[in-house]
Amino acid sequence: MPHPVDVHVGKRIRHRRWLVGMTQQQLAESVGIKFQQIQKYETGANRVSASRLWDISASLDVDVSFFFEGLEKEGGQKPAEADAPNDLLGDKEALDLVRSYYAIPENQRRRLFDLARVLSDVA
């Protein structure tokens, strides 16, 4: 049975890969492994070594710490989160929405963000 940390790290790899619009094959090629290994990392079936995680973080243009964000803190306390689904990172629709959001020019994106914030305050 996969360790929860391995599953979390794998979900974060998948999340970031989707956000940047990269396929498993492209990520695998950029770090010099087969795409099947990326599949195993993303499901938590295989653990990611520190050096491989370093390579993956460079390929996905993110700090290594990104992959550990959201893990339970010591004592079982989770960081405070809004009323979001439990597995937002595993929700392809949410990730597609985020990818589309970041494809919008920055000035328009800021206005859209402000609108969403107002609408969520009203709801």
PDB file of N, CA and C in Angstrom:
ATOM      1  N   MET A   1       0.845  -1.184   0.000  1.00  0.00           N
ATOM      2  CA  MET A   1       0.000   0.000   0.000  1.00  0.00           C
ATOM      3  C   MET A   1       0.890   1.246   0.000  1.00  0.00           C
ATOM      4  N   PRO A   2       0.616   2.194  -0.904  1.00  0.00           N
ATOM      5  CA  PRO A   2       1.478   3.386  -0.989  1.00  0.00           C
ATOM      6  C   PRO A   2       1.406   4.237   0.280  1.00  0.00           C
ATOM      7  N   HIS A   3       2.516   4.835   0.605  1.00  0.00           N
ATOM      8  CA  HIS A   3       2.579   5.750   1.743  1.00  0.00           C
ATOM      9  C   HIS A   3       1.841   7.041   1.379  1.00  0.00           C
ATOM     10  N   PRO A   4       1.087   7.630   2.310  1.00  0.00           N
ATOM     11  CA  PRO A   4       0.326   8.851   2.003  1.00  0.00           C
ATOM     12  C   PRO A   4       1.185  10.004   1.474  1.00  0.00           C
ATOM     13  N   VAL A   5       2.418  10.102   1.934  1.00  0.00           N
ATOM     14  CA  VAL A   5       3.292  11.168   1.431  1.00  0.00           C
ATOM     15  C   VAL A   5       3.631  10.929  -0.034  1.00  0.00           C
ATOM     16  N   ASP A   6       3.870   9.680  -0.412  1.00  0.00           N
ATOM     17  CA  ASP A   6       4.166   9.359  -1.807  1.00  0.00           C
ATOM     18  C   ASP A   6       2.968   9.672  -2.698  1.00  0.00           C
ATOM     19  N   VAL A   7       1.765   9.378  -2.206  1.00  0.00           N
ATOM     20  CA  VAL A   7       0.546   9.677  -2.952  1.00  0.00           C
ATOM     21  C   VAL A   7       0.392  11.190  -3.111  1.00  0.00           C
ATOM     22  N   HIS A   8       0.644  11.927  -2.031  1.00  0.00           N
ATOM     23  CA  HIS A   8       0.518  13.393  -2.072  1.00  0.00           C
ATOM     24  C   HIS A   8       1.513  13.994  -3.060  1.00  0.00           C
ATOM     25  N   VAL A   9       2.756  13.570  -2.983  1.00  0.00           N
ATOM     26  CA  VAL A   9       3.786  14.080  -3.896  1.00  0.00           C
ATOM     27  C   VAL A   9       3.406  13.755  -5.339  1.00  0.00           C
ATOM     28  N   GLY A  10       2.911  12.555  -5.574  1.00  0.00           N
ATOM     29  CA  GLY A  10       2.488  12.171  -6.926  1.00  0.00           C
ATOM     30  C   GLY A  10       1.356  13.041  -7.445  1.00  0.00           C
ATOM     31  N   LYS A  11       0.393  13.347  -6.576  1.00  0.00           N
ATOM     32  CA  LYS A  11      -0.710  14.225  -6.985  1.00  0.00           C
ATOM     33  C   LYS A  11      -0.200  15.618  -7.315  1.00  0.00           C
ATOM     34  N   ARG A  12       0.771  16.086  -6.538  1.00  0.00           N
ATOM     35  CA  ARG A  12       1.329  17.414  -6.799  1.00  0.00           C
ATOM     36  C   ARG A  12       2.115  17.431  -8.116  1.00  0.00           C
ATOM     37  N   ILE A  13       2.791  16.332  -8.440  1.00  0.00           N
ATOM     38  CA  ILE A  13       3.483  16.243  -9.734  1.00  0.00           C
ATOM     39  C   ILE A  13       2.450  16.334 -10.855  1.00  0.00           C
ATOM     40  N   ARG A  14       1.393  15.526 -10.758  1.00  0.00           N
ATOM     41  CA  ARG A  14       0.344  15.537 -11.780  1.00  0.00           C
ATOM     42  C   ARG A  14      -0.284  16.927 -11.896  1.00  0.00           C
ATOM     43  N   HIS A  15      -0.570  17.529 -10.750  1.00  0.00           N
ATOM     44  CA  HIS A  15      -1.176  18.862 -10.713  1.00  0.00           C
ATOM     45  C   HIS A  15      -0.315  19.871 -11.469  1.00  0.00           C
ATOM     46  N   ARG A  16       0.946  19.921 -11.144  1.00  0.00           N
ATOM     47  CA  ARG A  16       1.832  20.896 -11.785  1.00  0.00           C
ATOM     48  C   ARG A  16       2.006  20.586 -13.269  1.00  0.00           C
ATOM     49  N   ARG A  17       2.101  19.302 -13.606  1.00  0.00           N
ATOM     50  CA  ARG A  17       2.261  18.913 -15.009  1.00  0.00           C
ATOM     51  C   ARG A  17       1.057  19.370 -15.817  1.00  0.00           C
ATOM     52  N   TRP A  18      -0.145  19.172 -15.279  1.00  0.00           N
ATOM     53  CA  TRP A  18      -1.359  19.629 -15.961  1.00  0.00           C
ATOM     54  C   TRP A  18      -1.383  21.143 -16.089  1.00  0.00           C
ATOM     55  N   LEU A  19      -0.983  21.840 -15.029  1.00  0.00           N
ATOM     56  CA  LEU A  19      -1.009  23.302 -15.065  1.00  0.00           C
ATOM     57  C   LEU A  19      -0.115  23.874 -16.151  1.00  0.00           C
ATOM     58  N   VAL A  20       1.026  23.243 -16.360  1.00  0.00           N
ATOM     59  CA  VAL A  20       1.932  23.763 -17.386  1.00  0.00           C
ATOM     60  C   VAL A  20       1.646  23.167 -18.759  1.00  0.00           C
ATOM     61  N   GLY A  21       0.650  22.262 -18.830  1.00  0.00           N
ATOM     62  CA  GLY A  21       0.252  21.697 -20.115  1.00  0.00           C
ATOM     63  C   GLY A  21       1.234  20.696 -20.676  1.00  0.00           C
ATOM     64  N   MET A  22       1.875  19.943 -19.804  1.00  0.00           N
ATOM     65  CA  MET A  22       2.881  18.974 -20.223  1.00  0.00           C
ATOM     66  C   MET A  22       2.293  17.561 -20.130  1.00  0.00           C
ATOM     67  N   THR A  23       2.624  16.720 -21.084  1.00  0.00           N
ATOM     68  CA  THR A  23       2.186  15.333 -21.030  1.00  0.00           C
ATOM     69  C   THR A  23       3.152  14.524 -20.165  1.00  0.00           C
ATOM     70  N   GLN A  24       2.722  13.322 -19.796  1.00  0.00           N
ATOM     71  CA  GLN A  24       3.621  12.430 -19.056  1.00  0.00           C
ATOM     72  C   GLN A  24       4.851  12.105 -19.895  1.00  0.00           C
ATOM     73  N   GLN A  25       4.651  11.931 -21.184  1.00  0.00           N
ATOM     74  CA  GLN A  25       5.766  11.626 -22.076  1.00  0.00           C
ATOM     75  C   GLN A  25       6.773  12.776 -22.107  1.00  0.00           C
ATOM     76  N   GLN A  26       6.287  13.997 -22.195  1.00  0.00           N
ATOM     77  CA  GLN A  26       7.188  15.155 -22.237  1.00  0.00           C
ATOM     78  C   GLN A  26       7.972  15.290 -20.932  1.00  0.00           C
ATOM     79  N   LEU A  27       7.297  15.094 -19.813  1.00  0.00           N
ATOM     80  CA  LEU A  27       7.990  15.181 -18.527  1.00  0.00           C
ATOM     81  C   LEU A  27       9.029  14.073 -18.417  1.00  0.00           C
ATOM     82  N   ALA A  28       8.643  12.876 -18.811  1.00  0.00           N
ATOM     83  CA  ALA A  28       9.573  11.748 -18.742  1.00  0.00           C
ATOM     84  C   ALA A  28      10.824  12.008 -19.576  1.00  0.00           C
ATOM     85  N   GLU A  29      10.627  12.506 -20.790  1.00  0.00           N
ATOM     86  CA  GLU A  29      11.767  12.795 -21.658  1.00  0.00           C
ATOM     87  C   GLU A  29      12.669  13.867 -21.056  1.00  0.00           C
ATOM     88  N   SER A  30      12.057  14.862 -20.411  1.00  0.00           N
ATOM     89  CA  SER A  30      12.869  15.954 -19.862  1.00  0.00           C
ATOM     90  C   SER A  30      13.706  15.515 -18.667  1.00  0.00           C
ATOM     91  N   VAL A  31      13.289  14.444 -17.978  1.00  0.00           N
ATOM     92  CA  VAL A  31      14.084  13.966 -16.842  1.00  0.00           C
ATOM     93  C   VAL A  31      14.818  12.659 -17.153  1.00  0.00           C
ATOM     94  N   GLY A  32      14.647  12.159 -18.393  1.00  0.00           N
ATOM     95  CA  GLY A  32      15.412  10.998 -18.838  1.00  0.00           C
ATOM     96  C   GLY A  32      14.896   9.652 -18.352  1.00  0.00           C
ATOM     97  N   ILE A  33      13.579   9.507 -18.238  1.00  0.00           N
ATOM     98  CA  ILE A  33      12.983   8.239 -17.830  1.00  0.00           C
ATOM     99  C   ILE A  33      11.827   7.897 -18.769  1.00  0.00           C
ATOM    100  N   LYS A  34      11.213   6.750 -18.569  1.00  0.00           N
ATOM    101  CA  LYS A  34      10.056   6.332 -19.369  1.00  0.00           C
ATOM    102  C   LYS A  34       8.783   6.932 -18.773  1.00  0.00           C
ATOM    103  N   PHE A  35       7.775   7.174 -19.625  1.00  0.00           N
ATOM    104  CA  PHE A  35       6.548   7.788 -19.147  1.00  0.00           C
ATOM    105  C   PHE A  35       5.818   6.903 -18.138  1.00  0.00           C
ATOM    106  N   GLN A  36       6.030   5.567 -18.223  1.00  0.00           N
ATOM    107  CA  GLN A  36       5.394   4.670 -17.268  1.00  0.00           C
ATOM    108  C   GLN A  36       5.862   4.964 -15.838  1.00  0.00           C
ATOM    109  N   GLN A  37       7.097   5.400 -15.726  1.00  0.00           N
ATOM    110  CA  GLN A  37       7.619   5.741 -14.402  1.00  0.00           C
ATOM    111  C   GLN A  37       6.919   6.992 -13.866  1.00  0.00           C
ATOM    112  N   ILE A  38       6.645   7.950 -14.731  1.00  0.00           N
ATOM    113  CA  ILE A  38       5.887   9.138 -14.316  1.00  0.00           C
ATOM    114  C   ILE A  38       4.507   8.705 -13.844  1.00  0.00           C
ATOM    115  N   GLN A  39       3.871   7.777 -14.557  1.00  0.00           N
ATOM    116  CA  GLN A  39       2.567   7.264 -14.135  1.00  0.00           C
ATOM    117  C   GLN A  39       2.646   6.682 -12.727  1.00  0.00           C
ATOM    118  N   LYS A  40       3.668   5.921 -12.466  1.00  0.00           N
ATOM    119  CA  LYS A  40       3.827   5.294 -11.144  1.00  0.00           C
ATOM    120  C   LYS A  40       4.080   6.339 -10.062  1.00  0.00           C
ATOM    121  N   TYR A  41       4.858   7.372 -10.391  1.00  0.00           N
ATOM    122  CA  TYR A  41       5.072   8.453  -9.426  1.00  0.00           C
ATOM    123  C   TYR A  41       3.756   9.155  -9.114  1.00  0.00           C
ATOM    124  N   GLU A  42       2.986   9.450 -10.156  1.00  0.00           N
ATOM    125  CA  GLU A  42       1.760  10.223  -9.986  1.00  0.00           C
ATOM    126  C   GLU A  42       0.692   9.479  -9.187  1.00  0.00           C
ATOM    127  N   THR A  43       0.720   8.167  -9.206  1.00  0.00           N
ATOM    128  CA  THR A  43      -0.242   7.395  -8.415  1.00  0.00           C
ATOM    129  C   THR A  43       0.291   7.062  -7.035  1.00  0.00           C
ATOM    130  N   GLY A  44       1.556   7.313  -6.809  1.00  0.00           N
ATOM    131  CA  GLY A  44       2.164   6.974  -5.528  1.00  0.00           C
ATOM    132  C   GLY A  44       2.613   5.533  -5.461  1.00  0.00           C
ATOM    133  N   ALA A  45       2.496   4.807  -6.576  1.00  0.00           N
ATOM    134  CA  ALA A  45       2.908   3.403  -6.605  1.00  0.00           C
ATOM    135  C   ALA A  45       4.421   3.280  -6.401  1.00  0.00           C
ATOM    136  N   ASN A  46       5.180   4.229  -6.929  1.00  0.00           N
ATOM    137  CA  ASN A  46       6.634   4.272  -6.749  1.00  0.00           C
ATOM    138  C   ASN A  46       7.015   5.566  -6.050  1.00  0.00           C
ATOM    139  N   ARG A  47       7.977   5.470  -5.176  1.00  0.00           N
ATOM    140  CA  ARG A  47       8.496   6.662  -4.505  1.00  0.00           C
ATOM    141  C   ARG A  47       9.437   7.404  -5.437  1.00  0.00           C
ATOM    142  N   VAL A  48       9.433   8.727  -5.280  1.00  0.00           N
ATOM    143  CA  VAL A  48      10.312   9.577  -6.083  1.00  0.00           C
ATOM    144  C   VAL A  48      11.550   9.859  -5.241  1.00  0.00           C
ATOM    145  N   SER A  49      12.719   9.535  -5.770  1.00  0.00           N
ATOM    146  CA  SER A  49      13.957   9.826  -5.045  1.00  0.00           C
ATOM    147  C   SER A  49      14.172  11.338  -4.992  1.00  0.00           C
ATOM    148  N   ALA A  50      15.003  11.760  -4.076  1.00  0.00           N
ATOM    149  CA  ALA A  50      15.277  13.191  -3.913  1.00  0.00           C
ATOM    150  C   ALA A  50      15.867  13.782  -5.195  1.00  0.00           C
ATOM    151  N   SER A  51      16.808  13.079  -5.807  1.00  0.00           N
ATOM    152  CA  SER A  51      17.437  13.613  -7.023  1.00  0.00           C
ATOM    153  C   SER A  51      16.440  13.658  -8.183  1.00  0.00           C
ATOM    154  N   ARG A  52      15.564  12.659  -8.268  1.00  0.00           N
ATOM    155  CA  ARG A  52      14.562  12.660  -9.341  1.00  0.00           C
ATOM    156  C   ARG A  52      13.546  13.776  -9.108  1.00  0.00           C
ATOM    157  N   LEU A  53      13.151  13.990  -7.847  1.00  0.00           N
ATOM    158  CA  LEU A  53      12.216  15.072  -7.540  1.00  0.00           C
ATOM    159  C   LEU A  53      12.850  16.422  -7.878  1.00  0.00           C
ATOM    160  N   TRP A  54      14.127  16.540  -7.662  1.00  0.00           N
ATOM    161  CA  TRP A  54      14.860  17.757  -8.012  1.00  0.00           C
ATOM    162  C   TRP A  54      14.777  17.998  -9.526  1.00  0.00           C
ATOM    163  N   ASP A  55      15.004  16.927 -10.305  1.00  0.00           N
ATOM    164  CA  ASP A  55      14.925  17.034 -11.767  1.00  0.00           C
ATOM    165  C   ASP A  55      13.505  17.375 -12.225  1.00  0.00           C
ATOM    166  N   ILE A  56      12.516  16.733 -11.606  1.00  0.00           N
ATOM    167  CA  ILE A  56      11.117  16.991 -11.963  1.00  0.00           C
ATOM    168  C   ILE A  56      10.753  18.430 -11.640  1.00  0.00           C
ATOM    169  N   SER A  57      11.209  18.927 -10.495  1.00  0.00           N
ATOM    170  CA  SER A  57      10.891  20.308 -10.123  1.00  0.00           C
ATOM    171  C   SER A  57      11.505  21.291 -11.117  1.00  0.00           C
ATOM    172  N   ALA A  58      12.703  20.997 -11.589  1.00  0.00           N
ATOM    173  CA  ALA A  58      13.341  21.863 -12.587  1.00  0.00           C
ATOM    174  C   ALA A  58      12.560  21.817 -13.906  1.00  0.00           C
ATOM    175  N   SER A  59      12.139  20.638 -14.313  1.00  0.00           N
ATOM    176  CA  SER A  59      11.381  20.493 -15.561  1.00  0.00           C
ATOM    177  C   SER A  59      10.033  21.186 -15.492  1.00  0.00           C
ATOM    178  N   LEU A  60       9.424  21.190 -14.302  1.00  0.00           N
ATOM    179  CA  LEU A  60       8.109  21.804 -14.129  1.00  0.00           C
ATOM    180  C   LEU A  60       8.204  23.247 -13.631  1.00  0.00           C
ATOM    181  N   ASP A  61       9.438  23.748 -13.512  1.00  0.00           N
ATOM    182  CA  ASP A  61       9.692  25.133 -13.119  1.00  0.00           C
ATOM    183  C   ASP A  61       9.004  25.506 -11.803  1.00  0.00           C
ATOM    184  N   VAL A  62       9.295  24.719 -10.769  1.00  0.00           N
ATOM    185  CA  VAL A  62       8.710  24.937  -9.455  1.00  0.00           C
ATOM    186  C   VAL A  62       9.728  24.506  -8.395  1.00  0.00           C
ATOM    187  N   ASP A  63       9.661  25.100  -7.216  1.00  0.00           N
ATOM    188  CA  ASP A  63      10.534  24.681  -6.114  1.00  0.00           C
ATOM    189  C   ASP A  63      10.165  23.280  -5.652  1.00  0.00           C
ATOM    190  N   VAL A  64      11.129  22.541  -5.151  1.00  0.00           N
ATOM    191  CA  VAL A  64      10.878  21.198  -4.636  1.00  0.00           C
ATOM    192  C   VAL A  64       9.832  21.235  -3.523  1.00  0.00           C
ATOM    193  N   SER A  65       9.812  22.292  -2.749  1.00  0.00           N
ATOM    194  CA  SER A  65       8.857  22.400  -1.639  1.00  0.00           C
ATOM    195  C   SER A  65       7.402  22.371  -2.113  1.00  0.00           C
ATOM    196  N   PHE A  66       7.157  22.736  -3.376  1.00  0.00           N
ATOM    197  CA  PHE A  66       5.812  22.710  -3.937  1.00  0.00           C
ATOM    198  C   PHE A  66       5.161  21.342  -3.759  1.00  0.00           C
ATOM    199  N   PHE A  67       5.940  20.289  -3.903  1.00  0.00           N
ATOM    200  CA  PHE A  67       5.395  18.934  -3.872  1.00  0.00           C
ATOM    201  C   PHE A  67       4.946  18.504  -2.476  1.00  0.00           C
ATOM    202  N   PHE A  68       5.367  19.244  -1.467  1.00  0.00           N
ATOM    203  CA  PHE A  68       5.013  18.898  -0.088  1.00  0.00           C
ATOM    204  C   PHE A  68       3.968  19.832   0.507  1.00  0.00           C
ATOM    205  N   GLU A  69       3.593  20.868  -0.232  1.00  0.00           N
ATOM    206  CA  GLU A  69       2.579  21.797   0.264  1.00  0.00           C
ATOM    207  C   GLU A  69       1.265  21.065   0.481  1.00  0.00           C
ATOM    208  N   GLY A  70       0.611  21.361   1.609  1.00  0.00           N
ATOM    209  CA  GLY A  70      -0.684  20.777   1.896  1.00  0.00           C
ATOM    210  C   GLY A  70      -0.632  19.495   2.699  1.00  0.00           C
ATOM    211  N   LEU A  71       0.572  18.998   2.981  1.00  0.00           N
ATOM    212  CA  LEU A  71       0.664  17.813   3.829  1.00  0.00           C
ATOM    213  C   LEU A  71       0.242  18.163   5.249  1.00  0.00           C
ATOM    214  N   GLU A  72      -0.238  17.175   5.991  1.00  0.00           N
ATOM    215  CA  GLU A  72      -0.625  17.420   7.373  1.00  0.00           C
ATOM    216  C   GLU A  72       0.581  17.890   8.168  1.00  0.00           C
ATOM    217  N   LYS A  73       0.319  18.827   9.026  1.00  0.00           N
ATOM    218  CA  LYS A  73       1.372  19.332   9.903  1.00  0.00           C
ATOM    219  C   LYS A  73       1.560  18.347  11.050  1.00  0.00           C
ATOM    220  N   GLU A  74       2.624  18.529  11.826  1.00  0.00           N
ATOM    221  CA  GLU A  74       2.871  17.696  12.989  1.00  0.00           C
ATOM    222  C   GLU A  74       1.670  17.762  13.927  1.00  0.00           C
ATOM    223  N   GLY A  75       1.247  16.634  14.451  1.00  0.00           N
ATOM    224  CA  GLY A  75       0.094  16.605  15.340  1.00  0.00           C
ATOM    225  C   GLY A  75      -1.211  16.411  14.594  1.00  0.00           C
ATOM    226  N   GLY A  76      -1.146  16.168  13.272  1.00  0.00           N
ATOM    227  CA  GLY A  76      -2.349  15.883  12.511  1.00  0.00           C
ATOM    228  C   GLY A  76      -3.155  17.092  12.098  1.00  0.00           C
ATOM    229  N   GLN A  77      -2.637  18.290  12.259  1.00  0.00           N
ATOM    230  CA  GLN A  77      -3.368  19.498  11.887  1.00  0.00           C
ATOM    231  C   GLN A  77      -3.114  19.813  10.421  1.00  0.00           C
ATOM    232  N   LYS A  78      -4.185  19.930   9.661  1.00  0.00           N
ATOM    233  CA  LYS A  78      -4.068  20.330   8.265  1.00  0.00           C
ATOM    234  C   LYS A  78      -4.103  21.839   8.170  1.00  0.00           C
ATOM    235  N   PRO A  79      -3.442  22.419   7.170  1.00  0.00           N
ATOM    236  CA  PRO A  79      -3.515  23.856   6.994  1.00  0.00           C
ATOM    237  C   PRO A  79      -4.957  24.275   6.713  1.00  0.00           C
ATOM    238  N   ALA A  80      -5.298  25.482   7.137  1.00  0.00           N
ATOM    239  CA  ALA A  80      -6.653  25.993   6.892  1.00  0.00           C
ATOM    240  C   ALA A  80      -6.867  26.141   5.397  1.00  0.00           C
ATOM    241  N   GLU A  81      -8.012  25.683   4.921  1.00  0.00           N
ATOM    242  CA  GLU A  81      -8.355  25.799   3.505  1.00  0.00           C
ATOM    243  C   GLU A  81      -9.775  26.279   3.384  1.00  0.00           C
ATOM    244  N   ALA A  82     -10.074  26.885   2.257  1.00  0.00           N
ATOM    245  CA  ALA A  82     -11.444  27.292   1.968  1.00  0.00           C
ATOM    246  C   ALA A  82     -12.284  26.049   1.743  1.00  0.00           C
ATOM    247  N   ASP A  83     -13.565  26.228   1.528  1.00  0.00           N
ATOM    248  CA  ASP A  83     -14.464  25.100   1.316  1.00  0.00           C
ATOM    249  C   ASP A  83     -14.277  24.537  -0.082  1.00  0.00           C
ATOM    250  N   ALA A  84     -13.126  23.972  -0.317  1.00  0.00           N
ATOM    251  CA  ALA A  84     -12.811  23.379  -1.613  1.00  0.00           C
ATOM    252  C   ALA A  84     -12.972  21.870  -1.507  1.00  0.00           C
ATOM    253  N   PRO A  85     -13.181  21.188  -2.630  1.00  0.00           N
ATOM    254  CA  PRO A  85     -13.257  19.728  -2.592  1.00  0.00           C
ATOM    255  C   PRO A  85     -11.990  19.148  -1.985  1.00  0.00           C
ATOM    256  N   ASN A  86     -12.101  17.978  -1.385  1.00  0.00           N
ATOM    257  CA  ASN A  86     -10.954  17.347  -0.730  1.00  0.00           C
ATOM    258  C   ASN A  86      -9.788  17.104  -1.674  1.00  0.00           C
ATOM    259  N   ASP A  87     -10.087  16.731  -2.905  1.00  0.00           N
ATOM    260  CA  ASP A  87      -9.025  16.396  -3.845  1.00  0.00           C
ATOM    261  C   ASP A  87      -9.047  17.342  -5.037  1.00  0.00           C
ATOM    262  N   LEU A  88      -8.899  18.622  -4.764  1.00  0.00           N
ATOM    263  CA  LEU A  88      -8.920  19.622  -5.826  1.00  0.00           C
ATOM    264  C   LEU A  88      -7.816  19.360  -6.844  1.00  0.00           C
ATOM    265  N   LEU A  89      -6.676  18.871  -6.363  1.00  0.00           N
ATOM    266  CA  LEU A  89      -5.562  18.606  -7.267  1.00  0.00           C
ATOM    267  C   LEU A  89      -5.860  17.456  -8.217  1.00  0.00           C
ATOM    268  N   GLY A  90      -6.750  16.565  -7.829  1.00  0.00           N
ATOM    269  CA  GLY A  90      -7.098  15.446  -8.674  1.00  0.00           C
ATOM    270  C   GLY A  90      -8.280  15.727  -9.579  1.00  0.00           C
ATOM    271  N   ASP A  91      -8.854  16.921  -9.491  1.00  0.00           N
ATOM    272  CA  ASP A  91     -10.030  17.292 -10.273  1.00  0.00           C
ATOM    273  C   ASP A  91      -9.570  17.938 -11.577  1.00  0.00           C
ATOM    274  N   LYS A  92      -9.692  17.177 -12.679  1.00  0.00           N
ATOM    275  CA  LYS A  92      -9.204  17.668 -13.974  1.00  0.00           C
ATOM    276  C   LYS A  92      -9.918  18.946 -14.393  1.00  0.00           C
ATOM    277  N   GLU A  93     -11.209  19.059 -14.100  1.00  0.00           N
ATOM    278  CA  GLU A  93     -11.956  20.260 -14.465  1.00  0.00           C
ATOM    279  C   GLU A  93     -11.383  21.488 -13.757  1.00  0.00           C
ATOM    280  N   ALA A  94     -11.069  21.343 -12.479  1.00  0.00           N
ATOM    281  CA  ALA A  94     -10.496  22.465 -11.727  1.00  0.00           C
ATOM    282  C   ALA A  94      -9.129  22.848 -12.288  1.00  0.00           C
ATOM    283  N   LEU A  95      -8.337  21.854 -12.624  1.00  0.00           N
ATOM    284  CA  LEU A  95      -7.010  22.157 -13.172  1.00  0.00           C
ATOM    285  C   LEU A  95      -7.105  22.783 -14.556  1.00  0.00           C
ATOM    286  N   ASP A  96      -8.074  22.335 -15.363  1.00  0.00           N
ATOM    287  CA  ASP A  96      -8.288  22.960 -16.674  1.00  0.00           C
ATOM    288  C   ASP A  96      -8.711  24.417 -16.507  1.00  0.00           C
ATOM    289  N   LEU A  97      -9.548  24.666 -15.498  1.00  0.00           N
ATOM    290  CA  LEU A  97      -9.980  26.035 -15.214  1.00  0.00           C
ATOM    291  C   LEU A  97      -8.787  26.906 -14.834  1.00  0.00           C
ATOM    292  N   VAL A  98      -7.926  26.394 -13.981  1.00  0.00           N
ATOM    293  CA  VAL A  98      -6.745  27.153 -13.565  1.00  0.00           C
ATOM    294  C   VAL A  98      -5.822  27.402 -14.755  1.00  0.00           C
ATOM    295  N   ARG A  99      -5.624  26.391 -15.586  1.00  0.00           N
ATOM    296  CA  ARG A  99      -4.760  26.559 -16.765  1.00  0.00           C
ATOM    297  C   ARG A  99      -5.336  27.629 -17.694  1.00  0.00           C
ATOM    298  N   SER A 100      -6.645  27.592 -17.893  1.00  0.00           N
ATOM    299  CA  SER A 100      -7.298  28.595 -18.744  1.00  0.00           C
ATOM    300  C   SER A 100      -7.174  29.985 -18.134  1.00  0.00           C
ATOM    301  N   TYR A 101      -7.324  30.058 -16.820  1.00  0.00           N
ATOM    302  CA  TYR A 101      -7.208  31.328 -16.100  1.00  0.00           C
ATOM    303  C   TYR A 101      -5.835  31.956 -16.349  1.00  0.00           C
ATOM    304  N   TYR A 102      -4.780  31.162 -16.244  1.00  0.00           N
ATOM    305  CA  TYR A 102      -3.436  31.705 -16.430  1.00  0.00           C
ATOM    306  C   TYR A 102      -3.105  31.980 -17.887  1.00  0.00           C
ATOM    307  N   ALA A 103      -3.934  31.512 -18.811  1.00  0.00           N
ATOM    308  CA  ALA A 103      -3.737  31.827 -20.231  1.00  0.00           C
ATOM    309  C   ALA A 103      -4.303  33.202 -20.583  1.00  0.00           C
ATOM    310  N   ILE A 104      -5.112  33.768 -19.690  1.00  0.00           N
ATOM    311  CA  ILE A 104      -5.712  35.089 -19.908  1.00  0.00           C
ATOM    312  C   ILE A 104      -4.647  36.154 -19.629  1.00  0.00           C
ATOM    313  N   PRO A 105      -4.586  37.223 -20.431  1.00  0.00           N
ATOM    314  CA  PRO A 105      -3.623  38.298 -20.165  1.00  0.00           C
ATOM    315  C   PRO A 105      -3.776  38.832 -18.736  1.00  0.00           C
ATOM    316  N   GLU A 106      -2.661  39.220 -18.146  1.00  0.00           N
ATOM    317  CA  GLU A 106      -2.627  39.552 -16.715  1.00  0.00           C
ATOM    318  C   GLU A 106      -3.636  40.617 -16.287  1.00  0.00           C
ATOM    319  N   ASN A 107      -3.787  41.678 -17.052  1.00  0.00           N
ATOM    320  CA  ASN A 107      -4.716  42.734 -16.637  1.00  0.00           C
ATOM    321  C   ASN A 107      -6.164  42.234 -16.638  1.00  0.00           C
ATOM    322  N   GLN A 108      -6.526  41.435 -17.626  1.00  0.00           N
ATOM    323  CA  GLN A 108      -7.871  40.861 -17.674  1.00  0.00           C
ATOM    324  C   GLN A 108      -8.046  39.800 -16.588  1.00  0.00           C
ATOM    325  N   ARG A 109      -6.985  39.037 -16.344  1.00  0.00           N
ATOM    326  CA  ARG A 109      -7.028  38.008 -15.309  1.00  0.00           C
ATOM    327  C   ARG A 109      -7.281  38.631 -13.946  1.00  0.00           C
ATOM    328  N   ARG A 110      -6.662  39.738 -13.665  1.00  0.00           N
ATOM    329  CA  ARG A 110      -6.852  40.420 -12.383  1.00  0.00           C
ATOM    330  C   ARG A 110      -8.307  40.871 -12.225  1.00  0.00           C
ATOM    331  N   ARG A 111      -8.892  41.392 -13.302  1.00  0.00           N
ATOM    332  CA  ARG A 111     -10.295  41.823 -13.247  1.00  0.00           C
ATOM    333  C   ARG A 111     -11.220  40.625 -13.037  1.00  0.00           C
ATOM    334  N   LEU A 112     -10.914  39.512 -13.701  1.00  0.00           N
ATOM    335  CA  LEU A 112     -11.707  38.303 -13.514  1.00  0.00           C
ATOM    336  C   LEU A 112     -11.594  37.801 -12.078  1.00  0.00           C
ATOM    337  N   PHE A 113     -10.416  37.848 -11.528  1.00  0.00           N
ATOM    338  CA  PHE A 113     -10.197  37.434 -10.141  1.00  0.00           C
ATOM    339  C   PHE A 113     -11.016  38.300  -9.185  1.00  0.00           C
ATOM    340  N   ASP A 114     -10.981  39.608  -9.394  1.00  0.00           N
ATOM    341  CA  ASP A 114     -11.755  40.519  -8.547  1.00  0.00           C
ATOM    342  C   ASP A 114     -13.253  40.221  -8.646  1.00  0.00           C
ATOM    343  N   LEU A 115     -13.735  39.946  -9.854  1.00  0.00           N
ATOM    344  CA  LEU A 115     -15.136  39.596 -10.048  1.00  0.00           C
ATOM    345  C   LEU A 115     -15.482  38.303  -9.296  1.00  0.00           C
ATOM    346  N   ALA A 116     -14.640  37.296  -9.420  1.00  0.00           N
ATOM    347  CA  ALA A 116     -14.888  36.023  -8.732  1.00  0.00           C
ATOM    348  C   ALA A 116     -14.914  36.220  -7.224  1.00  0.00           C
ATOM    349  N   ARG A 117     -14.035  37.039  -6.715  1.00  0.00           N
ATOM    350  CA  ARG A 117     -14.009  37.301  -5.275  1.00  0.00           C
ATOM    351  C   ARG A 117     -15.309  37.983  -4.820  1.00  0.00           C
ATOM    352  N   VAL A 118     -15.778  38.955  -5.586  1.00  0.00           N
ATOM    353  CA  VAL A 118     -17.051  39.643  -5.247  1.00  0.00           C
ATOM    354  C   VAL A 118     -18.204  38.650  -5.290  1.00  0.00           C
ATOM    355  N   LEU A 119     -18.257  37.827  -6.330  1.00  0.00           N
ATOM    356  CA  LEU A 119     -19.343  36.861  -6.454  1.00  0.00           C
ATOM    357  C   LEU A 119     -19.327  35.837  -5.324  1.00  0.00           C
ATOM    358  N   SER A 120     -18.143  35.424  -4.894  1.00  0.00           N
ATOM    359  CA  SER A 120     -18.076  34.438  -3.812  1.00  0.00           C
ATOM    360  C   SER A 120     -18.456  35.049  -2.480  1.00  0.00           C
ATOM    361  N   ASP A 121     -18.223  36.351  -2.304  1.00  0.00           N
ATOM    362  CA  ASP A 121     -18.627  37.043  -1.075  1.00  0.00           C
ATOM    363  C   ASP A 121     -20.149  37.191  -1.005  1.00  0.00           C
ATOM    364  N   VAL A 122     -20.778  37.341  -2.155  1.00  0.00           N
ATOM    365  CA  VAL A 122     -22.231  37.509  -2.219  1.00  0.00           C
ATOM    366  C   VAL A 122     -22.949  36.183  -1.997  1.00  0.00           C
ATOM    367  N   ALA A 123     -22.348  35.096  -2.470  1.00  0.00           N
ATOM    368  CA  ALA A 123     -22.997  33.771  -2.409  1.00  0.00           C
ATOM    369  C   ALA A 123     -23.197  33.264  -1.005  1.00  0.00           C
TER     370      ALA A 123
END
